[in-house]
Amino acid sequence: MDRRHFFGTSAAVAGTSLAGCASATMGNSAAGRTPFVVPTVGIPIVGSDEVFPVRRIYCIGRNYRAHSIEMGSNPDREPPFFFQKPTDAIQFVATGTVADHPYPSLTKNYHYEAELVAVLGKGGRNIPVDKALDLVYGYTLGLDMTRRDLQRAMGDEKKPWEIGKSFDRSAPIGPVHRLAQTGHFRQGAIWLKVNGQTKQNANLNQMIWSVAEQISKLSEANELFPGDIIYSGTPENVGPVVRGDVIEMHIDGLPNLSVRIV
């Protein structure tokens, strides 16, 4: 099921929670009727008829040592950095399904990146590390799909590389598991396969910056709010996929996520 179809049908199921999110967002704007409807983006919550409303998608770059090195960075001295994807980058992938994921335009080098995703139920500014995990509502897993050739070309020209990261359906994601269902993820296997062949294989404890540290650092630059989600970085051995390839990713304690490139 694609994102537009899913959210068109889910609004009636979770109208109360989505309306609350929309009202909160509109509270900072001029009141009044709008000329058209902009759908709210949400992710189903496991064991509930609710959906998690997505406000912002943050992604940390180069957060595993070996991946940082393969991307040409020095992990021993580089401070954490973040970029954002638009909320309509979300492509919800139901557990037990293989979702069709469209190969995007303009690229000839389309890459996978497997990541743990933290979703926030609370917000704040300048959150200390020892309080940061109090903001976490739950976790899921996701893919940070990347038009690598476009990202690298823009980087070489010292231009912003959103075109390589921030495009339609560039954030396939599984359902949200509440914290009580999983606990916090500090270690455990994270792997990705393409057509059954292992490409990425690491442990979450190899992150340079932990989820708590990511939340703390983000809150220094931006006030965080409920509905923010954080893609926490990918291990080494990112690589290309082509039409017909099937990606399967895994994190210990979460159901696998699978997509087929079409």
C-alpha atoms as a PDB file:
ATOM      1  CA  MET A   1       0.000   0.000   0.000  1.00  0.00           C
ATOM      2  CA  ASP A   2       1.507   3.373  -0.920  1.00  0.00           C
ATOM      3  CA  ARG A   3       1.672   6.342   1.419  1.00  0.00           C
ATOM      4  CA  ARG A   4      -1.061   8.405  -0.226  1.00  0.00           C
ATOM      5  CA  HIS A   5      -3.541   5.531  -0.251  1.00  0.00           C
ATOM      6  CA  PHE A   6      -2.703   4.554   3.317  1.00  0.00           C
ATOM      7  CA  PHE A   7      -3.163   7.997   4.773  1.00  0.00           C
ATOM      8  CA  GLY A   8      -6.285   8.622   2.784  1.00  0.00           C
ATOM      9  CA  THR A   9      -7.892   5.605   4.428  1.00  0.00           C
ATOM     10  CA  SER A  10      -6.385   5.946   7.885  1.00  0.00           C
ATOM     11  CA  ALA A  11      -7.733   9.418   8.630  1.00  0.00           C
ATOM     12  CA  ALA A  12     -11.120   8.063   9.600  1.00  0.00           C
ATOM     13  CA  VAL A  13      -9.539   5.470  11.892  1.00  0.00           C
ATOM     14  CA  ALA A  14      -7.367   7.923  13.771  1.00  0.00           C
ATOM     15  CA  GLY A  15      -9.196  11.166  13.192  1.00  0.00           C
ATOM     16  CA  THR A  16      -8.985  12.343  16.783  1.00  0.00           C
ATOM     17  CA  SER A  17      -5.213  12.039  17.116  1.00  0.00           C
ATOM     18  CA  LEU A  18      -4.535  13.464  13.663  1.00  0.00           C
ATOM     19  CA  ALA A  19      -6.897  16.379  14.175  1.00  0.00           C
ATOM     20  CA  GLY A  20      -5.159  17.164  17.446  1.00  0.00           C
ATOM     21  CA  CYS A  21      -1.808  17.257  15.700  1.00  0.00           C
ATOM     22  CA  ALA A  22      -3.146  19.461  12.921  1.00  0.00           C
ATOM     23  CA  SER A  23      -4.698  21.861  15.401  1.00  0.00           C
ATOM     24  CA  ALA A  24      -1.461  22.166  17.300  1.00  0.00           C
ATOM     25  CA  THR A  25       0.438  22.887  14.105  1.00  0.00           C
ATOM     26  CA  MET A  26      -2.069  25.473  12.927  1.00  0.00           C
ATOM     27  CA  GLY A  27      -2.030  27.152  16.336  1.00  0.00           C
ATOM     28  CA  ASN A  28       1.030  29.199  15.342  1.00  0.00           C
ATOM     29  CA  SER A  29      -0.575  30.365  12.083  1.00  0.00           C
ATOM     30  CA  ALA A  30      -3.425  32.682  11.218  1.00  0.00           C
ATOM     31  CA  ALA A  31      -6.756  31.024  11.912  1.00  0.00           C
ATOM     32  CA  GLY A  32      -9.177  30.486   9.063  1.00  0.00           C
ATOM     33  CA  ARG A  33     -10.233  28.224   6.260  1.00  0.00           C
ATOM     34  CA  THR A  34      -7.632  26.814   3.903  1.00  0.00           C
ATOM     35  CA  PRO A  35      -8.109  26.656   0.117  1.00  0.00           C
ATOM     36  CA  PHE A  36      -7.095  22.958   0.025  1.00  0.00           C
ATOM     37  CA  VAL A  37      -6.283  20.105   2.382  1.00  0.00           C
ATOM     38  CA  VAL A  38      -2.700  19.075   3.127  1.00  0.00           C
ATOM     39  CA  PRO A  39      -2.739  15.528   4.512  1.00  0.00           C
ATOM     40  CA  THR A  40      -1.156  14.803   7.865  1.00  0.00           C
ATOM     41  CA  VAL A  41       1.503  12.098   7.677  1.00  0.00           C
ATOM     42  CA  GLY A  42       1.410   9.353  10.280  1.00  0.00           C
ATOM     43  CA  ILE A  43       2.804   5.883  10.984  1.00  0.00           C
ATOM     44  CA  PRO A  44       0.677   3.073  12.479  1.00  0.00           C
ATOM     45  CA  ILE A  45       1.395   2.245  16.128  1.00  0.00           C
ATOM     46  CA  VAL A  46       1.633  -1.478  16.848  1.00  0.00           C
ATOM     47  CA  GLY A  47      -1.127  -2.810  19.110  1.00  0.00           C
ATOM     48  CA  SER A  48      -3.278   0.293  18.645  1.00  0.00           C
ATOM     49  CA  ASP A  49      -5.742   1.867  16.232  1.00  0.00           C
ATOM     50  CA  GLU A  50      -3.749   5.098  16.477  1.00  0.00           C
ATOM     51  CA  VAL A  51      -1.083   6.472  14.165  1.00  0.00           C
ATOM     52  CA  PHE A  52       2.016   8.406  15.170  1.00  0.00           C
ATOM     53  CA  PRO A  53       1.831  11.901  13.587  1.00  0.00           C
ATOM     54  CA  VAL A  54       5.123  12.884  11.981  1.00  0.00           C
ATOM     55  CA  ARG A  55       6.229  16.507  12.435  1.00  0.00           C
ATOM     56  CA  ARG A  56       9.841  16.478  11.255  1.00  0.00           C
ATOM     57  CA  ILE A  57      12.247  13.831   9.991  1.00  0.00           C
ATOM     58  CA  TYR A  58      15.811  14.329  11.232  1.00  0.00           C
ATOM     59  CA  CYS A  59      18.699  12.167  10.001  1.00  0.00           C
ATOM     60  CA  ILE A  60      22.221  12.016  11.415  1.00  0.00           C
ATOM     61  CA  GLY A  61      25.034  11.621   8.930  1.00  0.00           C
ATOM     62  CA  ARG A  62      28.055   9.293   9.160  1.00  0.00           C
ATOM     63  CA  ASN A  63      27.280   7.883  12.603  1.00  0.00           C
ATOM     64  CA  TYR A  64      29.132   4.570  12.304  1.00  0.00           C
ATOM     65  CA  ARG A  65      32.918   4.733  12.216  1.00  0.00           C
ATOM     66  CA  ALA A  66      33.448   2.465   9.197  1.00  0.00           C
ATOM     67  CA  HIS A  67      30.698   4.206   7.205  1.00  0.00           C
ATOM     68  CA  SER A  68      32.212   7.594   8.031  1.00  0.00           C
ATOM     69  CA  ILE A  69      35.540   6.393   6.672  1.00  0.00           C
ATOM     70  CA  GLU A  70      34.000   4.928   3.498  1.00  0.00           C
ATOM     71  CA  MET A  71      32.331   8.312   2.869  1.00  0.00           C
ATOM     72  CA  GLY A  72      35.680  10.109   3.185  1.00  0.00           C
ATOM     73  CA  SER A  73      35.314  11.603   6.671  1.00  0.00           C
ATOM     74  CA  ASN A  74      37.382  11.449   9.845  1.00  0.00           C
ATOM     75  CA  PRO A  75      35.185   9.937  12.598  1.00  0.00           C
ATOM     76  CA  ASP A  76      37.653  10.893  15.329  1.00  0.00           C
ATOM     77  CA  ARG A  77      37.193  14.623  14.944  1.00  0.00           C
ATOM     78  CA  GLU A  78      33.952  15.272  13.072  1.00  0.00           C
ATOM     79  CA  PRO A  79      31.110  16.571  15.274  1.00  0.00           C
ATOM     80  CA  PRO A  80      27.621  15.198  14.618  1.00  0.00           C
ATOM     81  CA  PHE A  81      25.660  16.756  11.772  1.00  0.00           C
ATOM     82  CA  PHE A  82      22.034  16.385  10.755  1.00  0.00           C
ATOM     83  CA  PHE A  83      19.850  16.893   7.712  1.00  0.00           C
ATOM     84  CA  GLN A  84      16.092  16.671   7.221  1.00  0.00           C
ATOM     85  CA  LYS A  85      13.693  14.918   4.891  1.00  0.00           C
ATOM     86  CA  PRO A  86      10.170  16.212   4.188  1.00  0.00           C
ATOM     87  CA  THR A  87       7.355  14.322   5.853  1.00  0.00           C
ATOM     88  CA  ASP A  88       6.073  13.126   2.481  1.00  0.00           C
ATOM     89  CA  ALA A  89       9.310  11.151   2.127  1.00  0.00           C
ATOM     90  CA  ILE A  90       7.614   8.591   4.402  1.00  0.00           C
ATOM     91  CA  GLN A  91       6.641   5.327   2.729  1.00  0.00           C
ATOM     92  CA  PHE A  92       4.957   3.096   5.281  1.00  0.00           C
ATOM     93  CA  VAL A  93       5.823  -0.590   4.899  1.00  0.00           C
ATOM     94  CA  ALA A  94       3.500  -2.988   6.724  1.00  0.00           C
ATOM     95  CA  THR A  95       5.098  -5.876   8.612  1.00  0.00           C
ATOM     96  CA  GLY A  96       5.162  -9.090   6.603  1.00  0.00           C
ATOM     97  CA  THR A  97       4.818  -7.353   3.239  1.00  0.00           C
ATOM     98  CA  VAL A  98       7.243  -6.493   0.459  1.00  0.00           C
ATOM     99  CA  ALA A  99       6.298  -2.977  -0.597  1.00  0.00           C
ATOM    100  CA  ASP A 100       6.912  -1.687  -4.105  1.00  0.00           C
ATOM    101  CA  HIS A 101       9.442   1.139  -3.878  1.00  0.00           C
ATOM    102  CA  PRO A 102       9.807   3.273  -7.014  1.00  0.00           C
ATOM    103  CA  TYR A 103      13.259   3.889  -8.453  1.00  0.00           C
ATOM    104  CA  PRO A 104      13.432   7.708  -8.437  1.00  0.00           C
ATOM    105  CA  SER A 105      14.079  10.075 -11.312  1.00  0.00           C
ATOM    106  CA  LEU A 106      17.401  11.732 -12.179  1.00  0.00           C
ATOM    107  CA  THR A 107      19.699   9.138 -10.587  1.00  0.00           C
ATOM    108  CA  LYS A 108      21.802   6.290 -11.926  1.00  0.00           C
ATOM    109  CA  ASN A 109      23.283   5.336  -8.541  1.00  0.00           C
ATOM    110  CA  TYR A 110      20.515   4.646  -6.013  1.00  0.00           C
ATOM    111  CA  HIS A 111      21.717   3.523  -2.564  1.00  0.00           C
ATOM    112  CA  TYR A 112      20.229   1.840   0.507  1.00  0.00           C
ATOM    113  CA  GLU A 113      21.024   2.824   4.099  1.00  0.00           C
ATOM    114  CA  ALA A 114      19.546   0.746   6.971  1.00  0.00           C
ATOM    115  CA  GLU A 115      18.802   2.661  10.172  1.00  0.00           C
ATOM    116  CA  LEU A 116      17.232   2.490  13.632  1.00  0.00           C
ATOM    117  CA  VAL A 117      14.557   5.192  13.974  1.00  0.00           C
ATOM    118  CA  ALA A 118      13.629   6.844  17.289  1.00  0.00           C
ATOM    119  CA  VAL A 119      10.251   8.610  17.502  1.00  0.00           C
ATOM    120  CA  LEU A 120       9.647  11.333  20.043  1.00  0.00           C
ATOM    121  CA  GLY A 121       6.584  11.802  22.246  1.00  0.00           C
ATOM    122  CA  LYS A 122       7.955  14.818  24.115  1.00  0.00           C
ATOM    123  CA  GLY A 123      10.033  17.848  23.169  1.00  0.00           C
ATOM    124  CA  GLY A 124      12.247  20.573  24.543  1.00  0.00           C
ATOM    125  CA  ARG A 125      15.379  22.652  24.124  1.00  0.00           C
ATOM    126  CA  ASN A 126      18.919  22.006  25.363  1.00  0.00           C
ATOM    127  CA  ILE A 127      18.086  18.568  26.696  1.00  0.00           C
ATOM    128  CA  PRO A 128      20.920  17.046  28.755  1.00  0.00           C
ATOM    129  CA  VAL A 129      22.087  13.613  27.633  1.00  0.00           C
ATOM    130  CA  ASP A 130      20.914  11.935  30.839  1.00  0.00           C
ATOM    131  CA  LYS A 131      17.357  13.210  30.248  1.00  0.00           C
ATOM    132  CA  ALA A 132      17.226  12.795  26.476  1.00  0.00           C
ATOM    133  CA  LEU A 133      15.733   9.297  26.368  1.00  0.00           C
ATOM    134  CA  ASP A 134      12.745  10.579  28.364  1.00  0.00           C
ATOM    135  CA  LEU A 135      11.575  12.151  25.084  1.00  0.00           C
ATOM    136  CA  VAL A 136      11.391   8.812  23.242  1.00  0.00           C
ATOM    137  CA  TYR A 137       7.905   7.437  22.550  1.00  0.00           C
ATOM    138  CA  GLY A 138       9.099   4.368  20.676  1.00  0.00           C
ATOM    139  CA  TYR A 139      11.204   2.937  17.893  1.00  0.00           C
ATOM    140  CA  THR A 140      11.017   1.479  14.424  1.00  0.00           C
ATOM    141  CA  LEU A 141      13.395   0.775  11.573  1.00  0.00           C
ATOM    142  CA  GLY A 142      13.738   2.479   8.240  1.00  0.00           C
ATOM    143  CA  LEU A 143      15.696   3.028   5.051  1.00  0.00           C
ATOM    144  CA  ASP A 144      17.367   6.321   4.200  1.00  0.00           C
ATOM    145  CA  MET A 145      17.306   5.915   0.418  1.00  0.00           C
ATOM    146  CA  THR A 146      19.818   8.121  -1.358  1.00  0.00           C
ATOM    147  CA  ARG A 147      20.437   9.351  -4.895  1.00  0.00           C
ATOM    148  CA  ARG A 148      24.172   9.025  -4.290  1.00  0.00           C
ATOM    149  CA  ASP A 149      25.360  10.450  -7.583  1.00  0.00           C
ATOM    150  CA  LEU A 150      23.325  13.613  -7.036  1.00  0.00           C
ATOM    151  CA  GLN A 151      24.422  13.901  -3.409  1.00  0.00           C
ATOM    152  CA  ARG A 152      28.093  13.615  -4.358  1.00  0.00           C
ATOM    153  CA  ALA A 153      27.816  15.992  -7.298  1.00  0.00           C
ATOM    154  CA  MET A 154      26.234  18.693  -5.156  1.00  0.00           C
ATOM    155  CA  GLY A 155      28.786  18.125  -2.407  1.00  0.00           C
ATOM    156  CA  ASP A 156      31.626  18.502  -4.894  1.00  0.00           C
ATOM    157  CA  GLU A 157      30.133  21.839  -5.921  1.00  0.00           C
ATOM    158  CA  LYS A 158      29.725  22.973  -2.280  1.00  0.00           C
ATOM    159  CA  LYS A 159      25.964  23.124  -2.751  1.00  0.00           C
ATOM    160  CA  PRO A 160      23.208  21.731  -0.504  1.00  0.00           C
ATOM    161  CA  TRP A 161      22.570  18.054  -1.280  1.00  0.00           C
ATOM    162  CA  GLU A 162      18.876  17.767  -0.405  1.00  0.00           C
ATOM    163  CA  ILE A 163      18.223  16.555  -3.960  1.00  0.00           C
ATOM    164  CA  GLY A 164      20.182  13.421  -3.046  1.00  0.00           C
ATOM    165  CA  LYS A 165      18.302  12.766   0.200  1.00  0.00           C
ATOM    166  CA  SER A 166      15.003  14.651   0.416  1.00  0.00           C
ATOM    167  CA  PHE A 167      12.671  13.301  -2.250  1.00  0.00           C
ATOM    168  CA  ASP A 168       9.406  11.359  -2.544  1.00  0.00           C
ATOM    169  CA  ARG A 169       9.358   8.025  -0.658  1.00  0.00           C
ATOM    170  CA  SER A 170      13.007   8.319   0.311  1.00  0.00           C
ATOM    171  CA  ALA A 171      12.178   7.175   3.864  1.00  0.00           C
ATOM    172  CA  PRO A 172      10.565   3.715   3.852  1.00  0.00           C
ATOM    173  CA  ILE A 173       9.642   2.917   7.448  1.00  0.00           C
ATOM    174  CA  GLY A 174       8.008   0.205   9.545  1.00  0.00           C
ATOM    175  CA  PRO A 175       5.284   0.578  12.194  1.00  0.00           C
ATOM    176  CA  VAL A 176       6.036   2.319  15.489  1.00  0.00           C
ATOM    177  CA  HIS A 177       6.650   0.120  18.533  1.00  0.00           C
ATOM    178  CA  ARG A 178       6.018   1.878  21.811  1.00  0.00           C
ATOM    179  CA  LEU A 179       8.882   2.022  24.296  1.00  0.00           C
ATOM    180  CA  ALA A 180       7.116  -0.354  26.697  1.00  0.00           C
ATOM    181  CA  GLN A 181       7.129  -2.977  23.933  1.00  0.00           C
ATOM    182  CA  THR A 182      10.835  -2.787  23.104  1.00  0.00           C
ATOM    183  CA  GLY A 183      12.855  -0.868  25.666  1.00  0.00           C
ATOM    184  CA  HIS A 184      15.709   1.303  24.424  1.00  0.00           C
ATOM    185  CA  PHE A 185      18.039   0.058  21.704  1.00  0.00           C
ATOM    186  CA  ARG A 186      21.661   0.348  22.806  1.00  0.00           C
ATOM    187  CA  GLN A 187      23.003  -2.777  21.111  1.00  0.00           C
ATOM    188  CA  GLY A 188      21.870  -5.549  18.815  1.00  0.00           C
ATOM    189  CA  ALA A 189      22.389  -6.649  15.241  1.00  0.00           C
ATOM    190  CA  ILE A 190      21.477  -4.387  12.342  1.00  0.00           C
ATOM    191  CA  TRP A 191      21.776  -5.863   8.872  1.00  0.00           C
ATOM    192  CA  LEU A 192      20.554  -5.403   5.331  1.00  0.00           C
ATOM    193  CA  LYS A 193      20.325  -7.882   2.478  1.00  0.00           C
ATOM    194  CA  VAL A 194      19.792  -7.352  -1.243  1.00  0.00           C
ATOM    195  CA  ASN A 195      18.297 -10.368  -3.027  1.00  0.00           C
ATOM    196  CA  GLY A 196      19.234 -12.494  -0.014  1.00  0.00           C
ATOM    197  CA  GLN A 197      22.897 -11.431   0.010  1.00  0.00           C
ATOM    198  CA  THR A 198      24.126  -9.636   3.129  1.00  0.00           C
ATOM    199  CA  LYS A 199      25.400  -6.138   2.355  1.00  0.00           C
ATOM    200  CA  GLN A 200      25.375  -4.326   5.716  1.00  0.00           C
ATOM    201  CA  ASN A 201      26.055  -6.122   9.002  1.00  0.00           C
ATOM    202  CA  ALA A 202      26.886  -4.299  12.233  1.00  0.00           C
ATOM    203  CA  ASN A 203      25.830  -3.720  15.833  1.00  0.00           C
ATOM    204  CA  LEU A 204      23.921  -0.727  17.152  1.00  0.00           C
ATOM    205  CA  ASN A 205      26.579  -0.279  19.842  1.00  0.00           C
ATOM    206  CA  GLN A 206      28.946   0.813  17.063  1.00  0.00           C
ATOM    207  CA  MET A 207      27.176   4.163  16.710  1.00  0.00           C
ATOM    208  CA  ILE A 208      29.549   7.082  17.249  1.00  0.00           C
ATOM    209  CA  TRP A 209      26.743   9.149  18.788  1.00  0.00           C
ATOM    210  CA  SER A 210      24.077   7.297  20.806  1.00  0.00           C
ATOM    211  CA  VAL A 211      20.366   8.036  20.432  1.00  0.00           C
ATOM    212  CA  ALA A 212      20.498  10.025  23.679  1.00  0.00           C
ATOM    213  CA  GLU A 213      23.427  12.087  22.422  1.00  0.00           C
ATOM    214  CA  GLN A 214      21.695  12.681  19.097  1.00  0.00           C
ATOM    215  CA  ILE A 215      18.579  14.003  20.839  1.00  0.00           C
ATOM    216  CA  SER A 216      20.675  16.214  23.097  1.00  0.00           C
ATOM    217  CA  LYS A 217      22.705  17.671  20.214  1.00  0.00           C
ATOM    218  CA  LEU A 218      19.616  18.236  18.063  1.00  0.00           C
ATOM    219  CA  SER A 219      17.879  20.083  20.890  1.00  0.00           C
ATOM    220  CA  GLU A 220      20.737  22.599  21.004  1.00  0.00           C
ATOM    221  CA  ALA A 221      20.018  23.643  17.416  1.00  0.00           C
ATOM    222  CA  ASN A 222      16.237  23.199  17.212  1.00  0.00           C
ATOM    223  CA  GLU A 223      13.455  22.949  19.729  1.00  0.00           C
ATOM    224  CA  LEU A 224      12.196  19.380  19.513  1.00  0.00           C
ATOM    225  CA  PHE A 225       8.492  18.503  19.566  1.00  0.00           C
ATOM    226  CA  PRO A 226       6.297  15.435  19.858  1.00  0.00           C
ATOM    227  CA  GLY A 227       6.079  13.889  16.410  1.00  0.00           C
ATOM    228  CA  ASP A 228       9.738  14.399  15.529  1.00  0.00           C
ATOM    229  CA  ILE A 229      11.541  11.265  14.355  1.00  0.00           C
ATOM    230  CA  ILE A 230      15.275  10.612  14.125  1.00  0.00           C
ATOM    231  CA  TYR A 231      17.002   8.285  11.675  1.00  0.00           C
ATOM    232  CA  SER A 232      20.076   7.336  13.709  1.00  0.00           C
ATOM    233  CA  GLY A 233      22.638   6.566  11.018  1.00  0.00           C
ATOM    234  CA  THR A 234      23.702   3.612   8.884  1.00  0.00           C
ATOM    235  CA  PRO A 235      26.598   1.139   9.059  1.00  0.00           C
ATOM    236  CA  GLU A 236      29.229   0.686   6.366  1.00  0.00           C
ATOM    237  CA  ASN A 237      28.813  -0.984   2.981  1.00  0.00           C
ATOM    238  CA  VAL A 238      26.074   1.180   1.563  1.00  0.00           C
ATOM    239  CA  GLY A 239      25.564   0.416  -2.086  1.00  0.00           C
ATOM    240  CA  PRO A 240      23.390   0.549  -5.197  1.00  0.00           C
ATOM    241  CA  VAL A 241      20.151  -1.186  -6.101  1.00  0.00           C
ATOM    242  CA  VAL A 242      18.346  -1.456  -9.431  1.00  0.00           C
ATOM    243  CA  ARG A 243      14.806  -2.255 -10.496  1.00  0.00           C
ATOM    244  CA  GLY A 244      13.820  -5.772  -9.489  1.00  0.00           C
ATOM    245  CA  ASP A 245      16.072  -5.908  -6.412  1.00  0.00           C
ATOM    246  CA  VAL A 246      14.512  -6.839  -3.056  1.00  0.00           C
ATOM    247  CA  ILE A 247      15.866  -5.158   0.073  1.00  0.00           C
ATOM    248  CA  GLU A 248      15.358  -6.765   3.476  1.00  0.00           C
ATOM    249  CA  MET A 249      16.566  -5.063   6.643  1.00  0.00           C
ATOM    250  CA  HIS A 250      16.659  -6.264  10.238  1.00  0.00           C
ATOM    251  CA  ILE A 251      17.236  -4.905  13.728  1.00  0.00           C
ATOM    252  CA  ASP A 252      17.161  -7.275  16.695  1.00  0.00           C
ATOM    253  CA  GLY A 253      13.870  -6.803  18.548  1.00  0.00           C
ATOM    254  CA  LEU A 254      11.911  -5.399  15.577  1.00  0.00           C
ATOM    255  CA  PRO A 255      10.146  -7.110  12.655  1.00  0.00           C
ATOM    256  CA  ASN A 256      12.025  -6.982   9.364  1.00  0.00           C
ATOM    257  CA  LEU A 257      11.280  -4.417   6.684  1.00  0.00           C
ATOM    258  CA  SER A 258      11.273  -5.333   2.989  1.00  0.00           C
ATOM    259  CA  VAL A 259      10.846  -3.403  -0.257  1.00  0.00           C
ATOM    260  CA  ARG A 260      11.131  -4.243  -3.945  1.00  0.00           C
ATOM    261  CA  ILE A 261      12.629  -1.658  -6.274  1.00  0.00           C
ATOM    262  CA  VAL A 262      10.237  -1.034  -9.184  1.00  0.00           C
END
